Amino acid sequence: MRISKLVRKMVLGIAGFVAVILTSSVAFAAEAAGEASGGTDPIVLAAIFLGAGLGMGLGALGPGIGQGHAVKGACEGMARNPSMAGKLMTTMLLGLAMMESLAIYALVIALILLFANPFV
């Protein structure tokens, strides 16, 4: 019985996520003791950090998959019809720039959560 590559990747991804969640209590131990929290509830800080990390991770996942599909489609199109390579390249680069802007928006939101948050 062979396990497909997708199932293997999903299991590894879930295992990594669980490992990060289980080890995050060590990172917040100092705040729980009241050393560096500045009066902020450690649960709120944990939610902010997890929200920023998950938001950036998920915000980069979608554009990353989309960019891979776009480049794959453009390469296949150029291989089938080399005379359209210039037009395909221009359209692909424009689409990639728009997809990358979504990841940049996710980064901005994560940075706002981390550094310009009124709860911290």
Protein backbone atom coordinates (compact mmCIF):
# COMPACT_ATOMS: atom_id res chain seq x y z
CA MET A 1 0.00 0.00 0.00
CA ARG A 2 1.57 3.26 -1.14
CA ILE A 3 0.73 6.54 0.50
CA SER A 4 0.40 9.35 -1.98
CA LYS A 5 2.69 12.35 -1.85
CA LEU A 6 -0.20 14.67 -1.05
CA VAL A 7 -1.19 12.62 2.01
CA ARG A 8 2.44 12.55 3.16
CA LYS A 9 2.72 16.33 2.80
CA MET A 10 -0.53 16.87 4.67
CA VAL A 11 0.58 14.61 7.54
CA LEU A 12 3.93 16.39 7.78
CA GLY A 13 2.24 19.78 7.69
CA ILE A 14 -0.21 18.86 10.43
CA ALA A 15 2.60 17.37 12.53
CA GLY A 16 4.61 20.56 12.17
CA PHE A 17 1.61 22.68 13.10
CA VAL A 18 0.96 20.56 16.19
CA ALA A 19 4.64 20.79 17.18
CA VAL A 20 4.53 24.59 16.95
CA ILE A 21 1.35 24.78 18.99
CA LEU A 22 2.70 22.43 21.67
CA THR A 23 5.97 24.34 22.03
CA SER A 24 4.42 27.81 22.06
CA SER A 25 3.82 27.66 25.83
CA VAL A 26 7.58 27.83 26.36
CA ALA A 27 7.78 31.06 24.38
CA PHE A 28 5.07 32.68 26.48
CA ALA A 29 6.34 31.46 29.86
CA ALA A 30 8.10 34.77 30.57
CA GLU A 31 4.93 36.76 29.89
CA ALA A 32 2.88 34.41 32.04
CA ALA A 33 5.26 35.11 34.90
CA GLY A 34 4.69 38.83 34.38
CA GLU A 35 8.28 39.69 33.47
CA ALA A 36 7.82 41.25 30.03
CA SER A 37 4.07 41.53 29.56
CA GLY A 38 3.68 45.08 30.86
CA GLY A 39 0.28 44.30 32.36
CA THR A 40 -1.11 42.69 29.21
CA ASP A 41 -2.87 39.37 29.58
CA PRO A 42 -0.66 36.56 28.23
CA ILE A 43 -3.67 34.98 26.51
CA VAL A 44 -4.19 38.18 24.51
CA LEU A 45 -0.51 38.22 23.53
CA ALA A 46 -0.66 34.57 22.52
CA ALA A 47 -3.75 35.24 20.40
CA ILE A 48 -2.03 38.20 18.73
CA PHE A 49 1.10 36.20 17.92
CA LEU A 50 -0.83 33.17 16.70
CA GLY A 51 -3.16 35.36 14.65
CA ALA A 52 -0.25 37.17 13.02
CA GLY A 53 1.60 33.92 12.27
CA LEU A 54 -1.41 32.03 10.96
CA GLY A 55 -2.62 35.05 8.99
CA MET A 56 0.74 35.44 7.30
CA GLY A 57 1.04 31.72 6.65
CA LEU A 58 -2.40 31.39 5.13
CA GLY A 59 -2.04 34.74 3.38
CA ALA A 60 1.09 33.49 1.62
CA LEU A 61 -0.26 30.01 0.90
CA GLY A 62 -2.94 31.07 -1.57
CA PRO A 63 -0.79 33.38 -3.70
CA GLY A 64 2.02 30.81 -3.65
CA ILE A 65 -0.23 28.10 -5.06
CA GLY A 66 -1.73 30.53 -7.56
CA GLN A 67 1.67 31.69 -8.75
CA GLY A 68 2.78 28.11 -9.26
CA HIS A 69 -0.28 27.36 -11.38
CA ALA A 70 0.16 30.58 -13.37
CA VAL A 71 3.79 29.86 -14.20
CA LYS A 72 2.94 26.25 -15.06
CA GLY A 73 0.20 27.38 -17.44
CA ALA A 74 2.40 30.00 -19.06
CA CYS A 75 5.23 27.51 -19.58
CA GLU A 76 2.84 24.99 -21.13
CA GLY A 77 1.39 27.69 -23.37
CA MET A 78 4.85 28.81 -24.51
CA ALA A 79 5.83 25.21 -25.21
CA ARG A 80 2.74 24.69 -27.37
CA ASN A 81 2.95 27.99 -29.24
CA PRO A 82 6.38 29.69 -28.98
CA SER A 83 5.24 32.67 -31.09
CA MET A 84 2.92 33.74 -28.23
CA ALA A 85 5.74 33.74 -25.64
CA GLY A 86 5.95 37.54 -25.37
CA LYS A 87 2.25 38.06 -24.84
CA LEU A 88 2.03 35.15 -22.38
CA MET A 89 5.03 36.43 -20.40
CA THR A 90 3.54 39.93 -20.09
CA THR A 91 0.17 38.63 -18.96
CA MET A 92 1.76 36.17 -16.55
CA LEU A 93 3.97 38.81 -14.93
CA LEU A 94 0.99 41.14 -14.48
CA GLY A 95 -0.98 38.34 -12.83
CA LEU A 96 1.96 37.40 -10.62
CA ALA A 97 2.30 40.99 -9.43
CA MET A 98 -1.37 41.08 -8.46
CA MET A 99 -1.09 37.76 -6.64
CA GLU A 100 2.00 38.95 -4.79
CA SER A 101 0.14 42.06 -3.64
CA LEU A 102 -2.25 39.78 -1.73
CA ALA A 103 0.69 38.30 0.19
CA ILE A 104 1.99 41.80 0.90
CA TYR A 105 -1.43 42.79 2.29
CA ALA A 106 -1.28 39.77 4.61
CA LEU A 107 2.20 40.86 5.73
CA VAL A 108 0.96 44.38 6.47
CA ILE A 109 -1.91 43.04 8.57
CA ALA A 110 0.48 40.74 10.47
CA LEU A 111 2.85 43.65 11.15
CA ILE A 112 -0.04 45.81 12.34
CA LEU A 113 -1.08 43.05 14.73
CA LEU A 114 2.46 42.73 16.08
CA PHE A 115 3.64 46.34 16.31
CA ALA A 116 0.70 48.76 16.16
CA ASN A 117 -1.71 46.90 18.38
CA PRO A 118 -3.48 48.89 21.12
CA PHE A 119 -3.69 45.79 23.36
CA VAL A 120 0.08 45.48 23.77
